[in-house]
Protein backbone atom coordinates (compact mmCIF):
# COMPACT_ATOMS: atom_id res chain seq x y z
CA MET A 1 0.00 0.00 0.00
CA ILE A 2 2.83 2.35 0.92
CA ILE A 3 4.63 1.51 -2.32
CA LYS A 4 1.49 2.38 -4.35
CA GLN A 5 1.21 5.70 -2.57
CA ILE A 6 4.86 6.49 -3.29
CA ILE A 7 4.40 5.62 -6.98
CA ALA A 8 1.22 7.73 -7.24
CA SER A 9 2.96 10.66 -5.53
CA ALA A 10 5.89 10.39 -7.92
CA LEU A 11 3.58 10.36 -10.95
CA ILE A 12 1.73 13.43 -9.69
CA THR A 13 5.01 15.24 -9.05
CA ALA A 14 6.25 14.37 -12.54
CA SER A 15 2.99 15.56 -14.06
CA VAL A 16 3.17 18.87 -12.17
CA CYS A 17 6.78 19.38 -13.21
CA THR A 18 5.91 18.65 -16.84
CA PHE A 19 3.07 21.17 -16.72
CA ALA A 20 5.24 23.77 -15.00
CA GLN A 21 7.89 23.42 -17.70
CA THR A 22 5.49 24.24 -20.55
CA LYS A 23 7.18 26.87 -22.69
CA VAL A 24 5.40 30.17 -23.14
CA VAL A 25 6.00 31.75 -26.54
CA GLU A 26 6.06 35.53 -26.56
CA GLY A 27 5.49 37.32 -29.84
CA THR A 28 7.34 40.35 -31.08
CA LYS A 29 5.89 43.59 -29.73
CA PHE A 30 3.95 45.78 -32.13
CA THR A 31 2.42 49.20 -31.63
CA THR A 32 -1.07 50.61 -32.18
CA ASP A 33 -2.46 54.12 -31.99
CA ALA A 34 -4.21 54.03 -28.63
CA ASN A 35 -5.71 57.49 -29.20
CA LEU A 36 -7.47 56.41 -32.39
CA GLU A 37 -8.01 52.65 -32.42
CA LYS A 38 -10.99 51.21 -30.56
CA ASP A 39 -12.83 47.88 -30.15
CA GLU A 40 -9.59 45.86 -30.28
CA LYS A 41 -10.16 42.10 -30.22
CA LEU A 42 -8.48 38.84 -31.23
CA VAL A 43 -10.35 37.02 -34.00
CA LEU A 44 -9.97 34.28 -36.65
CA ALA A 45 -7.44 32.36 -34.56
CA ASP A 46 -6.17 28.89 -35.53
CA ASP A 47 -2.99 26.85 -34.95
CA TYR A 48 -1.04 28.96 -37.43
CA ASN A 49 -2.33 32.52 -37.36
CA SER A 50 -4.38 34.94 -35.31
CA TYR A 51 -5.80 38.32 -36.26
CA MET A 52 -6.29 41.45 -34.22
CA PHE A 53 -9.16 43.70 -35.28
CA SER A 54 -9.56 47.37 -34.41
CA ALA A 55 -11.52 50.33 -35.76
CA ILE A 56 -10.84 54.04 -36.10
CA ASN A 57 -13.98 56.15 -35.85
CA ILE A 58 -12.70 59.68 -35.29
CA ASP A 59 -13.30 62.71 -37.50
CA GLY A 60 -10.18 64.80 -38.02
CA LEU A 61 -10.01 68.50 -38.85
CA MET A 62 -8.81 67.55 -42.33
CA ARG A 63 -11.31 64.75 -42.73
CA ASN A 64 -11.31 64.70 -46.52
CA VAL A 65 -7.51 64.67 -46.70
CA PHE A 66 -6.83 62.20 -43.91
CA PRO A 67 -10.03 60.59 -42.68
CA HIS A 68 -9.72 58.73 -39.41
CA LYS A 69 -12.26 56.15 -40.53
CA LYS A 70 -10.52 52.81 -40.93
CA LEU A 71 -10.92 49.11 -40.19
CA LEU A 72 -7.64 47.39 -39.35
CA MET A 73 -6.85 43.67 -39.33
CA ARG A 74 -3.39 42.69 -38.12
CA LYS A 75 -2.16 39.18 -38.98
CA LEU A 76 0.00 37.43 -36.37
CA ASP A 77 1.86 34.15 -36.93
CA GLN A 78 1.90 31.14 -34.59
CA ASN A 79 4.70 32.75 -32.59
CA GLY A 80 2.67 35.93 -32.12
CA SER A 81 4.80 38.05 -34.43
CA LEU A 82 3.18 40.63 -36.68
CA VAL A 83 3.10 39.42 -40.30
CA ASP A 84 0.86 41.90 -42.12
CA THR A 85 -1.74 44.62 -41.62
CA TYR A 86 -4.84 44.94 -43.79
CA ILE A 87 -6.58 48.34 -43.78
CA GLN A 88 -10.02 49.25 -45.08
CA ASP A 89 -10.83 52.96 -45.40
CA TYR A 90 -14.61 53.21 -45.06
CA ALA A 91 -14.87 56.99 -45.50
CA ASN A 92 -16.56 58.47 -48.54
CA LYS A 93 -14.34 61.39 -49.59
CA THR A 94 -17.33 63.56 -50.61
CA ASN A 95 -17.38 66.74 -48.57
CA GLY A 96 -20.08 66.75 -45.91
CA VAL A 97 -20.56 62.97 -45.70
CA LEU A 98 -20.26 61.70 -42.11
CA HIS A 99 -19.44 58.14 -41.05
CA ASN A 100 -19.77 55.83 -38.07
CA TYR A 101 -18.41 52.42 -37.13
CA LEU A 102 -21.38 50.40 -35.83
CA GLY A 103 -19.98 47.04 -34.70
CA SER A 104 -18.36 43.80 -35.81
CA GLN A 105 -18.39 40.04 -35.31
CA GLN A 106 -16.61 36.91 -36.49
CA ILE A 107 -18.80 34.95 -38.91
CA ASP A 108 -16.91 31.66 -39.20
CA GLU A 109 -13.34 30.35 -39.26
CA ASP A 110 -12.51 32.40 -42.35
CA ARG A 111 -14.68 35.53 -42.28
CA PHE A 112 -15.18 38.58 -40.09
CA VAL A 113 -17.77 41.30 -40.71
CA ALA A 114 -17.86 44.96 -39.68
CA PHE A 115 -20.74 47.40 -40.19
CA THR A 116 -20.48 51.14 -40.85
CA GLU A 117 -22.85 53.92 -41.86
CA GLU A 118 -22.60 57.17 -43.78
CA TYR A 119 -25.10 60.01 -43.79
CA PHE A 120 -25.33 63.11 -45.91
CA GLY A 121 -27.77 65.87 -44.98
CA LYS A 122 -27.60 67.63 -48.35
CA GLU A 123 -28.95 64.53 -50.08
CA ASN A 124 -31.24 63.53 -47.19
CA ARG A 125 -29.88 60.02 -47.12
CA LYS A 126 -28.28 57.50 -44.79
CA GLU A 127 -26.68 54.22 -45.88
CA VAL A 128 -25.37 51.16 -44.02
CA PHE A 129 -22.49 49.04 -45.33
CA GLN A 130 -21.06 45.66 -44.44
CA HIS A 131 -17.34 44.99 -44.81
CA VAL A 132 -16.40 41.30 -44.87
CA PHE A 133 -12.78 40.35 -44.29
CA SER A 134 -11.60 36.95 -45.55
CA LYS A 135 -8.34 35.58 -44.20
CA LYS A 136 -8.06 33.31 -47.25
CA SER A 137 -7.87 36.25 -49.64
CA GLY A 138 -6.59 38.85 -47.18
CA THR A 139 -9.11 41.39 -48.46
CA PHE A 140 -12.21 43.32 -47.38
CA THR A 141 -15.37 43.15 -49.51
CA THR A 142 -17.82 46.03 -49.10
CA LYS A 143 -21.55 45.98 -49.81
CA SER A 144 -24.41 48.42 -49.19
CA ILE A 145 -27.19 46.66 -47.26
CA ALA A 146 -29.65 49.42 -46.28
CA LYS A 147 -30.63 52.96 -47.33
CA TYR A 148 -32.79 55.39 -45.38
CA THR A 149 -34.22 58.85 -45.95
CA ILE A 150 -33.33 61.48 -43.32
CA GLU A 151 -34.47 65.06 -42.70
CA SER A 152 -30.97 66.52 -42.23
CA THR A 153 -27.59 65.72 -40.71
CA ASN A 154 -28.83 66.79 -37.29
CA LYS A 155 -32.10 64.91 -37.73
CA SER A 156 -30.75 61.62 -39.05
CA GLY A 157 -31.74 59.39 -36.13
CA THR A 158 -29.50 56.67 -34.69
CA THR A 159 -28.43 53.37 -36.21
CA TYR A 160 -27.70 50.34 -34.01
CA VAL A 161 -26.12 47.01 -34.91
CA VAL A 162 -26.79 44.22 -32.39
CA PHE A 163 -25.75 40.56 -32.55
CA SER A 164 -27.62 37.61 -31.03
CA GLU A 165 -25.74 35.78 -28.28
CA ASN A 166 -25.51 32.56 -30.29
CA GLY A 167 -23.90 34.38 -33.23
CA LYS A 168 -26.62 33.38 -35.70
CA TYR A 169 -28.29 36.75 -36.30
CA VAL A 170 -27.55 40.45 -36.50
CA VAL A 171 -30.04 43.31 -36.59
CA VAL A 172 -29.54 46.71 -38.20
CA PHE A 173 -31.97 48.92 -36.30
CA ASN A 174 -32.56 52.46 -37.60
CA ASP A 175 -34.18 54.58 -34.90
CA ARG A 176 -35.58 57.41 -37.02
CA TYR A 177 -35.66 61.00 -35.85
CA ALA A 178 -39.10 61.82 -34.46
CA SER A 179 -40.48 65.17 -33.35
CA LYS A 180 -42.64 65.47 -30.24
CA LYS A 181 -46.10 63.89 -30.22
CA THR A 182 -45.52 61.99 -33.48
CA ASP A 183 -45.24 58.24 -33.84
CA ASN A 184 -41.72 56.90 -33.53
CA ILE A 185 -41.09 54.83 -36.66
CA ASN A 186 -38.07 52.56 -36.83
CA ASP A 187 -36.56 50.31 -39.50
CA ALA A 188 -35.43 46.80 -38.58
CA LEU A 189 -33.36 44.52 -40.80
CA VAL A 190 -32.40 41.10 -39.41
CA LEU A 191 -29.67 39.17 -41.24
CA ASP A 192 -28.55 35.56 -41.03
CA LEU A 193 -24.98 36.09 -39.88
CA ARG A 194 -23.64 32.99 -41.64
CA THR A 195 -24.96 33.92 -45.08
CA LEU A 196 -25.45 37.68 -44.48
CA SER A 197 -28.79 37.35 -46.23
CA PRO A 198 -31.98 39.08 -44.93
CA VAL A 199 -34.20 37.02 -42.63
CA TRP A 200 -36.85 39.72 -42.32
CA SER A 201 -37.20 43.48 -42.68
CA LYS A 202 -40.00 45.67 -41.33
CA GLU A 203 -41.01 49.17 -40.27
CA ILE A 204 -41.86 49.33 -36.56
CA SER A 205 -44.25 52.02 -35.37
CA LEU A 206 -43.97 52.88 -31.67
CA SER A 207 -45.75 55.36 -29.42
CA SER A 208 -44.24 58.81 -28.83
CA ASP A 209 -44.61 58.77 -25.04
CA TYR A 210 -41.62 56.44 -24.65
CA VAL A 211 -38.16 56.46 -26.26
CA GLU A 212 -35.78 53.61 -26.99
CA LYS A 213 -33.26 53.01 -24.19
CA SER A 214 -31.83 49.59 -24.97
CA LEU A 215 -32.10 46.96 -27.70
CA THR A 216 -31.29 43.25 -27.82
CA LEU A 217 -31.70 40.41 -30.31
CA THR A 218 -32.67 36.93 -29.11
CA ASN A 219 -31.19 33.67 -30.36
CA SER A 220 -34.29 33.12 -32.51
CA GLY A 221 -33.97 36.50 -34.25
CA LYS A 222 -36.57 38.40 -32.18
CA ILE A 223 -36.06 42.05 -31.21
CA VAL A 224 -36.66 43.14 -27.61
CA LEU A 225 -36.76 46.86 -26.78
CA LEU A 226 -36.47 48.56 -23.40
CA ARG A 227 -38.17 51.98 -23.58
CA LYS A 228 -38.14 54.87 -21.13
CA ALA A 229 -40.83 57.47 -20.55
CA ALA A 230 -40.16 60.57 -22.66
CA GLY A 231 -41.00 62.99 -19.86
CA TRP A 232 -39.71 63.47 -16.33
CA LYS A 233 -41.42 60.36 -14.97
CA GLU A 234 -39.00 57.49 -14.29
CA SER A 235 -40.84 54.59 -15.85
CA TYR A 236 -39.84 51.89 -18.29
CA LYS A 237 -41.59 49.27 -20.37
CA LEU A 238 -40.46 46.28 -22.35
CA GLU A 239 -41.70 45.79 -25.90
CA THR A 240 -41.11 42.45 -27.53
CA GLY A 241 -42.51 40.12 -30.16
CA PHE A 242 -40.85 41.95 -33.05
CA LYS A 243 -40.35 38.98 -35.30
CA TYR A 244 -41.48 38.12 -38.78
CA ARG A 245 -44.01 35.29 -38.79
CA ARG A 246 -44.22 33.56 -42.16
CA GLN A 247 -47.52 31.83 -41.41
CA ARG A 248 -49.41 35.11 -41.15
CA SER A 249 -46.94 37.44 -42.90
CA SER A 250 -47.63 39.86 -40.07
CA PHE A 251 -45.78 41.83 -37.47
CA ARG A 252 -46.83 41.27 -33.88
CA ARG A 253 -46.18 43.42 -30.83
CA GLN A 254 -46.69 42.60 -27.18
CA ILE A 255 -46.21 45.18 -24.48
CA TYR A 256 -45.18 44.50 -20.91
CA SER A 257 -44.97 47.33 -18.37
């Protein structure tokens, strides 16, 4: 019995020593612009390469000469050393066009998608784009996925991009500008994140006494809104059921207060 205990103790000690001796590989240091780059995250990692994504979403004084509107994908090898940097400039150089980075997510082992918007008060328009990076080709592919009419630059509303927790869906939610005592109309576009094809798209009409405070997308592709009273009263209500139903081809809303 004592001999078995000694053998077991020796095996445990050897195992601990083996684990403790595991070599940690440190990659070569590389620099980023901490004042400009945001939403840094490690993506598209495998046994050979990893990628670091970041976005620049800052308007400079000389925006049309040097626009701080870029998507960056840094390629790192299996030792963590920087191999290459891929940059996508998502700024339209037309004077007066404004841009925003809206969010991003890994699609699969090869692809990563980022969403941006541009809006131009002189043309009363707003447009949302998707930028898909493929590590196989080392390139970004850009596509316009939604266009909206706006009143002006200052009355262009707010665009949100929200991903479901299971990574299957993404919603582009355009919260339109609404004046007081008028219905708050929003545009919702839900995409299948794997194929980036539309699942459903609808206009959502909401009451004017509450404003959108928070938005989430469930794992089945349903939108849930948390809304706050528009006045001084501190009250909230949850509005859910925003999901396309093929059987009835209708849009259903349930309100919980």
